mmCIF file of all heavy atoms, coordinates in Angstrom:
data_MODEL
# 
_entry.id   MODEL 
# 
loop_
_atom_site.group_PDB 
_atom_site.id 
_atom_site.type_symbol 
_atom_site.label_atom_id 
_atom_site.label_alt_id 
_atom_site.label_comp_id 
_atom_site.label_asym_id 
_atom_site.label_entity_id 
_atom_site.label_seq_id 
_atom_site.pdbx_PDB_ins_code 
_atom_site.Cartn_x 
_atom_site.Cartn_y 
_atom_site.Cartn_z 
_atom_site.occupancy 
_atom_site.B_iso_or_equiv 
_atom_site.pdbx_formal_charge 
_atom_site.auth_seq_id 
_atom_site.auth_comp_id 
_atom_site.auth_asym_id 
_atom_site.auth_atom_id 
_atom_site.pdbx_PDB_model_num 
ATOM 1   N N   . ILE A 1 1  ? 39.176 -10.550 -21.262 1.00 0.00 ? 1  ILE A N   1 
ATOM 2   C CA  . ILE A 1 1  ? 39.750 -10.227 -22.548 1.00 0.00 ? 1  ILE A CA  1 
ATOM 3   C C   . ILE A 1 1  ? 38.831 -9.083  -23.179 1.00 0.00 ? 1  ILE A C   1 
ATOM 4   O O   . ILE A 1 1  ? 37.706 -9.032  -23.010 1.00 0.00 ? 1  ILE A O   1 
ATOM 5   C CB  . ILE A 1 1  ? 39.711 -11.525 -23.395 1.00 0.00 ? 1  ILE A CB  1 
ATOM 6   C CG1 . ILE A 1 1  ? 40.405 -11.285 -24.723 1.00 0.00 ? 1  ILE A CG1 1 
ATOM 7   C CG2 . ILE A 1 1  ? 38.406 -12.042 -23.613 1.00 0.00 ? 1  ILE A CG2 1 
ATOM 8   C CD1 . ILE A 1 1  ? 40.629 -12.480 -25.565 1.00 0.00 ? 1  ILE A CD1 1 
ATOM 9   N N   . SER A 1 2  ? 39.597 -8.182  -23.867 1.00 0.00 ? 2  SER A N   1 
ATOM 10  C CA  . SER A 1 2  ? 39.024 -7.137  -24.482 1.00 0.00 ? 2  SER A CA  1 
ATOM 11  C C   . SER A 1 2  ? 39.769 -6.558  -25.670 1.00 0.00 ? 2  SER A C   1 
ATOM 12  O O   . SER A 1 2  ? 40.842 -6.990  -25.800 1.00 0.00 ? 2  SER A O   1 
ATOM 13  C CB  . SER A 1 2  ? 38.726 -5.992  -23.460 1.00 0.00 ? 2  SER A CB  1 
ATOM 14  O OG  . SER A 1 2  ? 39.962 -5.537  -23.000 1.00 0.00 ? 2  SER A OG  1 
ATOM 15  N N   . THR A 1 3  ? 39.168 -5.779  -26.448 1.00 0.00 ? 3  THR A N   1 
ATOM 16  C CA  . THR A 1 3  ? 39.930 -5.266  -27.673 1.00 0.00 ? 3  THR A CA  1 
ATOM 17  C C   . THR A 1 3  ? 39.723 -3.744  -27.749 1.00 0.00 ? 3  THR A C   1 
ATOM 18  O O   . THR A 1 3  ? 38.797 -3.181  -27.156 1.00 0.00 ? 3  THR A O   1 
ATOM 19  C CB  . THR A 1 3  ? 39.281 -5.836  -28.925 1.00 0.00 ? 3  THR A CB  1 
ATOM 20  O OG1 . THR A 1 3  ? 37.887 -5.512  -28.970 1.00 0.00 ? 3  THR A OG1 1 
ATOM 21  C CG2 . THR A 1 3  ? 39.390 -7.323  -29.025 1.00 0.00 ? 3  THR A CG2 1 
ATOM 22  N N   . ASP A 1 4  ? 40.766 -3.114  -28.306 1.00 0.00 ? 4  ASP A N   1 
ATOM 23  C CA  . ASP A 1 4  ? 40.704 -1.715  -28.654 1.00 0.00 ? 4  ASP A CA  1 
ATOM 24  C C   . ASP A 1 4  ? 41.026 -1.610  -30.206 1.00 0.00 ? 4  ASP A C   1 
ATOM 25  O O   . ASP A 1 4  ? 42.178 -1.686  -30.550 1.00 0.00 ? 4  ASP A O   1 
ATOM 26  C CB  . ASP A 1 4  ? 41.757 -0.958  -27.831 1.00 0.00 ? 4  ASP A CB  1 
ATOM 27  C CG  . ASP A 1 4  ? 41.738 0.538   -28.044 1.00 0.00 ? 4  ASP A CG  1 
ATOM 28  O OD1 . ASP A 1 4  ? 41.204 0.954   -29.186 1.00 0.00 ? 4  ASP A OD1 1 
ATOM 29  O OD2 . ASP A 1 4  ? 42.113 1.266   -27.215 1.00 0.00 ? 4  ASP A OD2 1 
ATOM 30  N N   . ASN A 1 5  ? 40.009 -1.484  -30.997 1.00 0.00 ? 5  ASN A N   1 
ATOM 31  C CA  . ASN A 1 5  ? 40.128 -1.520  -32.320 1.00 0.00 ? 5  ASN A CA  1 
ATOM 32  C C   . ASN A 1 5  ? 40.982 -0.328  -32.917 1.00 0.00 ? 5  ASN A C   1 
ATOM 33  O O   . ASN A 1 5  ? 41.611 -0.505  -33.782 1.00 0.00 ? 5  ASN A O   1 
ATOM 34  C CB  . ASN A 1 5  ? 38.658 -1.526  -33.082 1.00 0.00 ? 5  ASN A CB  1 
ATOM 35  C CG  . ASN A 1 5  ? 38.078 -2.810  -32.878 1.00 0.00 ? 5  ASN A CG  1 
ATOM 36  O OD1 . ASN A 1 5  ? 38.659 -3.818  -32.389 1.00 0.00 ? 5  ASN A OD1 1 
ATOM 37  N ND2 . ASN A 1 5  ? 36.771 -2.774  -33.434 1.00 0.00 ? 5  ASN A ND2 1 
ATOM 38  N N   . ALA A 1 6  ? 40.849 0.822   -32.191 1.00 0.00 ? 6  ALA A N   1 
ATOM 39  C CA  . ALA A 1 6  ? 41.590 1.938   -32.685 1.00 0.00 ? 6  ALA A CA  1 
ATOM 40  C C   . ALA A 1 6  ? 43.057 1.743   -32.516 1.00 0.00 ? 6  ALA A C   1 
ATOM 41  O O   . ALA A 1 6  ? 43.914 2.289   -33.260 1.00 0.00 ? 6  ALA A O   1 
ATOM 42  C CB  . ALA A 1 6  ? 41.196 3.114   -31.875 1.00 0.00 ? 6  ALA A CB  1 
ATOM 43  N N   . LYS A 1 7  ? 43.478 0.888   -31.555 1.00 0.00 ? 7  LYS A N   1 
ATOM 44  C CA  . LYS A 1 7  ? 44.895 0.536   -31.323 1.00 0.00 ? 7  LYS A CA  1 
ATOM 45  C C   . LYS A 1 7  ? 45.257 -0.798  -31.888 1.00 0.00 ? 7  LYS A C   1 
ATOM 46  O O   . LYS A 1 7  ? 46.338 -1.232  -31.760 1.00 0.00 ? 7  LYS A O   1 
ATOM 47  C CB  . LYS A 1 7  ? 45.232 0.631   -29.703 1.00 0.00 ? 7  LYS A CB  1 
ATOM 48  C CG  . LYS A 1 7  ? 45.101 2.041   -29.177 1.00 0.00 ? 7  LYS A CG  1 
ATOM 49  C CD  . LYS A 1 7  ? 45.384 2.023   -27.728 1.00 0.00 ? 7  LYS A CD  1 
ATOM 50  C CE  . LYS A 1 7  ? 45.264 3.390   -27.160 1.00 0.00 ? 7  LYS A CE  1 
ATOM 51  N NZ  . LYS A 1 7  ? 45.637 3.474   -25.703 1.00 0.00 ? 7  LYS A NZ  1 
ATOM 52  N N   . ASN A 1 8  ? 44.296 -1.430  -32.551 1.00 0.00 ? 8  ASN A N   1 
ATOM 53  C CA  . ASN A 1 8  ? 44.570 -2.809  -33.056 1.00 0.00 ? 8  ASN A CA  1 
ATOM 54  C C   . ASN A 1 8  ? 45.236 -3.750  -32.039 1.00 0.00 ? 8  ASN A C   1 
ATOM 55  O O   . ASN A 1 8  ? 46.189 -4.480  -32.084 1.00 0.00 ? 8  ASN A O   1 
ATOM 56  C CB  . ASN A 1 8  ? 45.555 -2.761  -34.311 1.00 0.00 ? 8  ASN A CB  1 
ATOM 57  C CG  . ASN A 1 8  ? 44.931 -2.044  -35.435 1.00 0.00 ? 8  ASN A CG  1 
ATOM 58  O OD1 . ASN A 1 8  ? 43.720 -2.090  -35.601 1.00 0.00 ? 8  ASN A OD1 1 
ATOM 59  N ND2 . ASN A 1 8  ? 45.746 -1.500  -36.262 1.00 0.00 ? 8  ASN A ND2 1 
ATOM 60  N N   . THR A 1 9  ? 44.649 -3.690  -30.834 1.00 0.00 ? 9  THR A N   1 
ATOM 61  C CA  . THR A 1 9  ? 45.304 -4.316  -29.570 1.00 0.00 ? 9  THR A CA  1 
ATOM 62  C C   . THR A 1 9  ? 44.231 -5.139  -28.848 1.00 0.00 ? 9  THR A C   1 
ATOM 63  O O   . THR A 1 9  ? 43.107 -4.730  -28.695 1.00 0.00 ? 9  THR A O   1 
ATOM 64  C CB  . THR A 1 9  ? 45.914 -3.286  -28.690 1.00 0.00 ? 9  THR A CB  1 
ATOM 65  O OG1 . THR A 1 9  ? 46.934 -2.664  -29.400 1.00 0.00 ? 9  THR A OG1 1 
ATOM 66  C CG2 . THR A 1 9  ? 46.493 -4.036  -27.448 1.00 0.00 ? 9  THR A CG2 1 
ATOM 67  N N   . VAL A 1 10 ? 44.632 -6.183  -28.504 1.00 0.00 ? 10 VAL A N   1 
ATOM 68  C CA  . VAL A 1 10 ? 43.774 -7.186  -27.500 1.00 0.00 ? 10 VAL A CA  1 
ATOM 69  C C   . VAL A 1 10 ? 44.480 -7.239  -26.167 1.00 0.00 ? 10 VAL A C   1 
ATOM 70  O O   . VAL A 1 10 ? 45.624 -7.271  -26.062 1.00 0.00 ? 10 VAL A O   1 
ATOM 71  C CB  . VAL A 1 10 ? 43.724 -8.678  -28.169 1.00 0.00 ? 10 VAL A CB  1 
ATOM 72  C CG1 . VAL A 1 10 ? 42.844 -9.552  -27.185 1.00 0.00 ? 10 VAL A CG1 1 
ATOM 73  C CG2 . VAL A 1 10 ? 42.980 -8.611  -29.382 1.00 0.00 ? 10 VAL A CG2 1 
ATOM 74  N N   . TYR A 1 11 ? 43.656 -7.161  -25.204 1.00 0.00 ? 11 TYR A N   1 
ATOM 75  C CA  . TYR A 1 11 ? 44.195 -7.093  -23.793 1.00 0.00 ? 11 TYR A CA  1 
ATOM 76  C C   . TYR A 1 11 ? 43.729 -8.379  -23.073 1.00 0.00 ? 11 TYR A C   1 
ATOM 77  O O   . TYR A 1 11 ? 42.728 -8.951  -23.298 1.00 0.00 ? 11 TYR A O   1 
ATOM 78  C CB  . TYR A 1 11 ? 43.700 -5.943  -23.130 1.00 0.00 ? 11 TYR A CB  1 
ATOM 79  C CG  . TYR A 1 11 ? 44.137 -4.530  -23.701 1.00 0.00 ? 11 TYR A CG  1 
ATOM 80  C CD1 . TYR A 1 11 ? 43.078 -3.909  -24.545 1.00 0.00 ? 11 TYR A CD1 1 
ATOM 81  C CD2 . TYR A 1 11 ? 45.329 -4.024  -23.570 1.00 0.00 ? 11 TYR A CD2 1 
ATOM 82  C CE1 . TYR A 1 11 ? 43.555 -2.795  -25.131 1.00 0.00 ? 11 TYR A CE1 1 
ATOM 83  C CE2 . TYR A 1 11 ? 45.719 -2.874  -24.175 1.00 0.00 ? 11 TYR A CE2 1 
ATOM 84  C CZ  . TYR A 1 11 ? 44.836 -2.185  -24.919 1.00 0.00 ? 11 TYR A CZ  1 
ATOM 85  O OH  . TYR A 1 11 ? 45.266 -1.057  -25.544 1.00 0.00 ? 11 TYR A OH  1 
ATOM 86  N N   . LEU A 1 12 ? 44.513 -8.629  -21.983 1.00 0.00 ? 12 LEU A N   1 
ATOM 87  C CA  . LEU A 1 12 ? 43.968 -9.693  -21.095 1.00 0.00 ? 12 LEU A CA  1 
ATOM 88  C C   . LEU A 1 12 ? 44.233 -9.087  -19.659 1.00 0.00 ? 12 LEU A C   1 
ATOM 89  O O   . LEU A 1 12 ? 45.375 -9.038  -19.244 1.00 0.00 ? 12 LEU A O   1 
ATOM 90  C CB  . LEU A 1 12 ? 44.724 -11.002 -21.197 1.00 0.00 ? 12 LEU A CB  1 
ATOM 91  C CG  . LEU A 1 12 ? 44.329 -12.177 -20.346 1.00 0.00 ? 12 LEU A CG  1 
ATOM 92  C CD1 . LEU A 1 12 ? 42.811 -12.506 -20.702 1.00 0.00 ? 12 LEU A CD1 1 
ATOM 93  C CD2 . LEU A 1 12 ? 45.196 -13.387 -20.280 1.00 0.00 ? 12 LEU A CD2 1 
ATOM 94  N N   . GLN A 1 13 ? 43.297 -8.568  -19.074 1.00 0.00 ? 13 GLN A N   1 
ATOM 95  C CA  . GLN A 1 13 ? 43.313 -8.108  -17.721 1.00 0.00 ? 13 GLN A CA  1 
ATOM 96  C C   . GLN A 1 13 ? 43.298 -9.305  -16.740 1.00 0.00 ? 13 GLN A C   1 
ATOM 97  O O   . GLN A 1 13 ? 42.232 -10.027 -16.777 1.00 0.00 ? 13 GLN A O   1 
ATOM 98  C CB  . GLN A 1 13 ? 42.200 -7.097  -17.338 1.00 0.00 ? 13 GLN A CB  1 
ATOM 99  C CG  . GLN A 1 13 ? 42.210 -6.493  -15.954 1.00 0.00 ? 13 GLN A CG  1 
ATOM 100 C CD  . GLN A 1 13 ? 43.439 -5.673  -15.689 1.00 0.00 ? 13 GLN A CD  1 
ATOM 101 O OE1 . GLN A 1 13 ? 43.705 -4.858  -16.530 1.00 0.00 ? 13 GLN A OE1 1 
ATOM 102 N NE2 . GLN A 1 13 ? 43.981 -5.867  -14.580 1.00 0.00 ? 13 GLN A NE2 1 
ATOM 103 N N   . MET A 1 14 ? 44.222 -9.319  -15.918 1.00 0.00 ? 14 MET A N   1 
ATOM 104 C CA  . MET A 1 14 ? 44.345 -10.536 -15.019 1.00 0.00 ? 14 MET A CA  1 
ATOM 105 C C   . MET A 1 14 ? 44.423 -9.981  -13.557 1.00 0.00 ? 14 MET A C   1 
ATOM 106 O O   . MET A 1 14 ? 45.320 -9.242  -13.169 1.00 0.00 ? 14 MET A O   1 
ATOM 107 C CB  . MET A 1 14 ? 45.555 -11.296 -15.242 1.00 0.00 ? 14 MET A CB  1 
ATOM 108 C CG  . MET A 1 14 ? 45.736 -11.856 -16.777 1.00 0.00 ? 14 MET A CG  1 
ATOM 109 S SD  . MET A 1 14 ? 47.090 -12.896 -17.031 1.00 0.00 ? 14 MET A SD  1 
ATOM 110 C CE  . MET A 1 14 ? 48.489 -11.807 -16.768 1.00 0.00 ? 14 MET A CE  1 
ATOM 111 N N   . ASN A 1 15 ? 43.334 -10.283 -12.774 1.00 0.00 ? 15 ASN A N   1 
ATOM 112 C CA  . ASN A 1 15 ? 43.263 -9.877  -11.455 1.00 0.00 ? 15 ASN A CA  1 
ATOM 113 C C   . ASN A 1 15 ? 43.303 -11.060 -10.457 1.00 0.00 ? 15 ASN A C   1 
ATOM 114 O O   . ASN A 1 15 ? 43.117 -12.253 -10.971 1.00 0.00 ? 15 ASN A O   1 
ATOM 115 C CB  . ASN A 1 15 ? 41.955 -9.170  -11.157 1.00 0.00 ? 15 ASN A CB  1 
ATOM 116 C CG  . ASN A 1 15 ? 41.883 -7.980  -12.037 1.00 0.00 ? 15 ASN A CG  1 
ATOM 117 O OD1 . ASN A 1 15 ? 42.804 -7.266  -12.316 1.00 0.00 ? 15 ASN A OD1 1 
ATOM 118 N ND2 . ASN A 1 15 ? 40.627 -7.572  -12.466 1.00 0.00 ? 15 ASN A ND2 1 
ATOM 119 N N   . SER A 1 16 ? 43.630 -10.836 -9.210  1.00 0.00 ? 16 SER A N   1 
ATOM 120 C CA  . SER A 1 16 ? 43.642 -11.922 -8.200  1.00 0.00 ? 16 SER A CA  1 
ATOM 121 C C   . SER A 1 16 ? 44.495 -13.039 -8.713  1.00 0.00 ? 16 SER A C   1 
ATOM 122 O O   . SER A 1 16 ? 44.168 -14.238 -8.625  1.00 0.00 ? 16 SER A O   1 
ATOM 123 C CB  . SER A 1 16 ? 42.312 -12.374 -7.984  1.00 0.00 ? 16 SER A CB  1 
ATOM 124 O OG  . SER A 1 16 ? 41.373 -11.342 -7.555  1.00 0.00 ? 16 SER A OG  1 
ATOM 125 N N   . LEU A 1 17 ? 45.666 -12.768 -9.174  1.00 0.00 ? 17 LEU A N   1 
ATOM 126 C CA  . LEU A 1 17 ? 46.679 -13.732 -9.723  1.00 0.00 ? 17 LEU A CA  1 
ATOM 127 C C   . LEU A 1 17 ? 46.981 -14.765 -8.684  1.00 0.00 ? 17 LEU A C   1 
ATOM 128 O O   . LEU A 1 17 ? 47.230 -14.531 -7.403  1.00 0.00 ? 17 LEU A O   1 
ATOM 129 C CB  . LEU A 1 17 ? 47.859 -13.047 -10.348 1.00 0.00 ? 17 LEU A CB  1 
ATOM 130 C CG  . LEU A 1 17 ? 47.570 -12.350 -11.690 1.00 0.00 ? 17 LEU A CG  1 
ATOM 131 C CD1 . LEU A 1 17 ? 48.671 -11.437 -12.012 1.00 0.00 ? 17 LEU A CD1 1 
ATOM 132 C CD2 . LEU A 1 17 ? 47.445 -13.522 -12.778 1.00 0.00 ? 17 LEU A CD2 1 
ATOM 133 N N   . LYS A 1 18 ? 47.169 -15.971 -9.128  1.00 0.00 ? 18 LYS A N   1 
ATOM 134 C CA  . LYS A 1 18 ? 47.490 -17.139 -8.228  1.00 0.00 ? 18 LYS A CA  1 
ATOM 135 C C   . LYS A 1 18 ? 48.757 -17.656 -8.762  1.00 0.00 ? 18 LYS A C   1 
ATOM 136 O O   . LYS A 1 18 ? 49.151 -17.546 -9.935  1.00 0.00 ? 18 LYS A O   1 
ATOM 137 C CB  . LYS A 1 18 ? 46.437 -18.223 -8.351  1.00 0.00 ? 18 LYS A CB  1 
ATOM 138 C CG  . LYS A 1 18 ? 44.958 -17.755 -7.910  1.00 0.00 ? 18 LYS A CG  1 
ATOM 139 C CD  . LYS A 1 18 ? 44.048 -18.880 -8.144  1.00 0.00 ? 18 LYS A CD  1 
ATOM 140 C CE  . LYS A 1 18 ? 42.522 -18.344 -7.624  1.00 0.00 ? 18 LYS A CE  1 
ATOM 141 N NZ  . LYS A 1 18 ? 41.557 -19.441 -7.870  1.00 0.00 ? 18 LYS A NZ  1 
ATOM 142 N N   . LEU A 1 19 ? 49.582 -18.501 -7.905  1.00 0.00 ? 19 LEU A N   1 
ATOM 143 C CA  . LEU A 1 19 ? 50.794 -18.998 -8.223  1.00 0.00 ? 19 LEU A CA  1 
ATOM 144 C C   . LEU A 1 19 ? 50.611 -19.950 -9.628  1.00 0.00 ? 19 LEU A C   1 
ATOM 145 O O   . LEU A 1 19 ? 51.469 -19.953 -10.376 1.00 0.00 ? 19 LEU A O   1 
ATOM 146 C CB  . LEU A 1 19 ? 51.260 -19.945 -7.190  1.00 0.00 ? 19 LEU A CB  1 
ATOM 147 C CG  . LEU A 1 19 ? 51.610 -19.249 -5.830  1.00 0.00 ? 19 LEU A CG  1 
ATOM 148 C CD1 . LEU A 1 19 ? 52.041 -20.358 -4.901  1.00 0.00 ? 19 LEU A CD1 1 
ATOM 149 C CD2 . LEU A 1 19 ? 52.771 -18.222 -5.983  1.00 0.00 ? 19 LEU A CD2 1 
ATOM 150 N N   . GLU A 1 20 ? 49.478 -20.655 -9.778  1.00 0.00 ? 20 GLU A N   1 
ATOM 151 C CA  . GLU A 1 20 ? 49.176 -21.341 -10.896 1.00 0.00 ? 20 GLU A CA  1 
ATOM 152 C C   . GLU A 1 20 ? 49.003 -20.734 -12.173 1.00 0.00 ? 20 GLU A C   1 
ATOM 153 O O   . GLU A 1 20 ? 48.889 -21.369 -13.309 1.00 0.00 ? 20 GLU A O   1 
ATOM 154 C CB  . GLU A 1 20 ? 48.138 -22.472 -10.620 1.00 0.00 ? 20 GLU A CB  1 
ATOM 155 C CG  . GLU A 1 20 ? 46.802 -21.794 -10.142 1.00 0.00 ? 20 GLU A CG  1 
ATOM 156 C CD  . GLU A 1 20 ? 46.615 -21.807 -8.637  1.00 0.00 ? 20 GLU A CD  1 
ATOM 157 O OE1 . GLU A 1 20 ? 47.635 -21.571 -7.921  1.00 0.00 ? 20 GLU A OE1 1 
ATOM 158 O OE2 . GLU A 1 20 ? 45.443 -21.986 -8.157  1.00 0.00 ? 20 GLU A OE2 1 
ATOM 159 N N   . ASP A 1 21 ? 48.872 -19.397 -12.101 1.00 0.00 ? 21 ASP A N   1 
ATOM 160 C CA  . ASP A 1 21 ? 48.809 -18.497 -13.336 1.00 0.00 ? 21 ASP A CA  1 
ATOM 161 C C   . ASP A 1 21 ? 50.144 -18.272 -14.080 1.00 0.00 ? 21 ASP A C   1 
ATOM 162 O O   . ASP A 1 21 ? 50.215 -17.769 -15.081 1.00 0.00 ? 21 ASP A O   1 
ATOM 163 C CB  . ASP A 1 21 ? 48.142 -17.252 -13.009 1.00 0.00 ? 21 ASP A CB  1 
ATOM 164 C CG  . ASP A 1 21 ? 46.626 -17.408 -12.651 1.00 0.00 ? 21 ASP A CG  1 
ATOM 165 O OD1 . ASP A 1 21 ? 45.947 -18.244 -13.244 1.00 0.00 ? 21 ASP A OD1 1 
ATOM 166 O OD2 . ASP A 1 21 ? 46.233 -16.629 -11.649 1.00 0.00 ? 21 ASP A OD2 1 
ATOM 167 N N   . THR A 1 22 ? 51.242 -18.661 -13.302 1.00 0.00 ? 22 THR A N   1 
ATOM 168 C CA  . THR A 1 22 ? 52.557 -18.440 -13.761 1.00 0.00 ? 22 THR A CA  1 
ATOM 169 C C   . THR A 1 22 ? 52.784 -19.399 -15.097 1.00 0.00 ? 22 THR A C   1 
ATOM 170 O O   . THR A 1 22 ? 52.419 -20.610 -15.104 1.00 0.00 ? 22 THR A O   1 
ATOM 171 C CB  . THR A 1 22 ? 53.550 -18.908 -12.733 1.00 0.00 ? 22 THR A CB  1 
ATOM 172 O OG1 . THR A 1 22 ? 53.529 -18.163 -11.657 1.00 0.00 ? 22 THR A OG1 1 
ATOM 173 C CG2 . THR A 1 22 ? 54.956 -19.026 -13.389 1.00 0.00 ? 22 THR A CG2 1 
ATOM 174 N N   . ALA A 1 23 ? 53.089 -18.745 -16.134 1.00 0.00 ? 23 ALA A N   1 
ATOM 175 C CA  . ALA A 1 23 ? 53.222 -19.301 -17.422 1.00 0.00 ? 23 ALA A CA  1 
ATOM 176 C C   . ALA A 1 23 ? 53.703 -18.367 -18.487 1.00 0.00 ? 23 ALA A C   1 
ATOM 177 O O   . ALA A 1 23 ? 53.822 -17.147 -18.191 1.00 0.00 ? 23 ALA A O   1 
ATOM 178 C CB  . ALA A 1 23 ? 51.783 -19.837 -18.023 1.00 0.00 ? 23 ALA A CB  1 
ATOM 179 N N   . LEU A 1 24 ? 54.115 -18.882 -19.660 1.00 0.00 ? 24 LEU A N   1 
ATOM 180 C CA  . LEU A 1 24 ? 54.345 -17.974 -20.767 1.00 0.00 ? 24 LEU A CA  1 
ATOM 181 C C   . LEU A 1 24 ? 53.011 -17.799 -21.566 1.00 0.00 ? 24 LEU A C   1 
ATOM 182 O O   . LEU A 1 24 ? 52.353 -18.750 -21.955 1.00 0.00 ? 24 LEU A O   1 
ATOM 183 C CB  . LEU A 1 24 ? 55.383 -18.641 -21.735 1.00 0.00 ? 24 LEU A CB  1 
ATOM 184 C CG  . LEU A 1 24 ? 55.917 -17.828 -22.856 1.00 0.00 ? 24 LEU A CG  1 
ATOM 185 C CD1 . LEU A 1 24 ? 56.575 -16.571 -22.486 1.00 0.00 ? 24 LEU A CD1 1 
ATOM 186 C CD2 . LEU A 1 24 ? 56.994 -18.697 -23.661 1.00 0.00 ? 24 LEU A CD2 1 
ATOM 187 N N   . TYR A 1 25 ? 52.588 -16.523 -21.684 1.00 0.00 ? 25 TYR A N   1 
ATOM 188 C CA  . TYR A 1 25 ? 51.323 -16.405 -22.268 1.00 0.00 ? 25 TYR A CA  1 
ATOM 189 C C   . TYR A 1 25 ? 51.471 -15.812 -23.757 1.00 0.00 ? 25 TYR A C   1 
ATOM 190 O O   . TYR A 1 25 ? 52.269 -15.014 -24.111 1.00 0.00 ? 25 TYR A O   1 
ATOM 191 C CB  . TYR A 1 25 ? 50.645 -15.091 -21.580 1.00 0.00 ? 25 TYR A CB  1 
ATOM 192 C CG  . TYR A 1 25 ? 50.037 -15.652 -20.299 1.00 0.00 ? 25 TYR A CG  1 
ATOM 193 C CD1 . TYR A 1 25 ? 50.753 -15.900 -19.168 1.00 0.00 ? 25 TYR A CD1 1 
ATOM 194 C CD2 . TYR A 1 25 ? 48.519 -15.658 -20.101 1.00 0.00 ? 25 TYR A CD2 1 
ATOM 195 C CE1 . TYR A 1 25 ? 50.282 -16.377 -17.958 1.00 0.00 ? 25 TYR A CE1 1 
ATOM 196 C CE2 . TYR A 1 25 ? 48.014 -16.258 -18.888 1.00 0.00 ? 25 TYR A CE2 1 
ATOM 197 C CZ  . TYR A 1 25 ? 48.834 -16.575 -17.892 1.00 0.00 ? 25 TYR A CZ  1 
ATOM 198 O OH  . TYR A 1 25 ? 48.310 -17.000 -16.690 1.00 0.00 ? 25 TYR A OH  1 
ATOM 199 N N   . TYR A 1 26 ? 50.684 -16.437 -24.623 1.00 0.00 ? 26 TYR A N   1 
ATOM 200 C CA  . TYR A 1 26 ? 50.736 -16.235 -26.098 1.00 0.00 ? 26 TYR A CA  1 
ATOM 201 C C   . TYR A 1 26 ? 49.436 -15.606 -26.583 1.00 0.00 ? 26 TYR A C   1 
ATOM 202 O O   . TYR A 1 26 ? 48.308 -16.067 -26.125 1.00 0.00 ? 26 TYR A O   1 
ATOM 203 C CB  . TYR A 1 26 ? 50.893 -17.410 -26.804 1.00 0.00 ? 26 TYR A CB  1 
ATOM 204 C CG  . TYR A 1 26 ? 52.380 -18.079 -26.701 1.00 0.00 ? 26 TYR A CG  1 
ATOM 205 C CD1 . TYR A 1 26 ? 52.465 -19.007 -25.602 1.00 0.00 ? 26 TYR A CD1 1 
ATOM 206 C CD2 . TYR A 1 26 ? 53.474 -17.776 -27.389 1.00 0.00 ? 26 TYR A CD2 1 
ATOM 207 C CE1 . TYR A 1 26 ? 53.749 -19.707 -25.393 1.00 0.00 ? 26 TYR A CE1 1 
ATOM 208 C CE2 . TYR A 1 26 ? 54.685 -18.459 -27.157 1.00 0.00 ? 26 TYR A CE2 1 
ATOM 209 C CZ  . TYR A 1 26 ? 54.717 -19.333 -26.108 1.00 0.00 ? 26 TYR A CZ  1 
ATOM 210 O OH  . TYR A 1 26 ? 55.923 -19.944 -25.900 1.00 0.00 ? 26 TYR A OH  1 
ATOM 211 N N   . CYS A 1 27 ? 49.508 -14.862 -27.578 1.00 0.00 ? 27 CYS A N   1 
ATOM 212 C CA  . CYS A 1 27 ? 48.377 -14.311 -28.283 1.00 0.00 ? 27 CYS A CA  1 
ATOM 213 C C   . CYS A 1 27 ? 48.121 -15.044 -29.589 1.00 0.00 ? 27 CYS A C   1 
ATOM 214 O O   . CYS A 1 27 ? 49.240 -15.485 -30.347 1.00 0.00 ? 27 CYS A O   1 
ATOM 215 C CB  . CYS A 1 27 ? 48.579 -12.808 -28.568 1.00 0.00 ? 27 CYS A CB  1 
ATOM 216 S SG  . CYS A 1 27 ? 47.264 -11.932 -29.442 1.00 0.00 ? 27 CYS A SG  1 
# 
């Protein structure tokens, strides 16, 4: 998880994704 204050944006970088990561993701 990271932020970019200049863009008012929060990110979630997801690597090595697994089947069990399947979901609806909310902020």
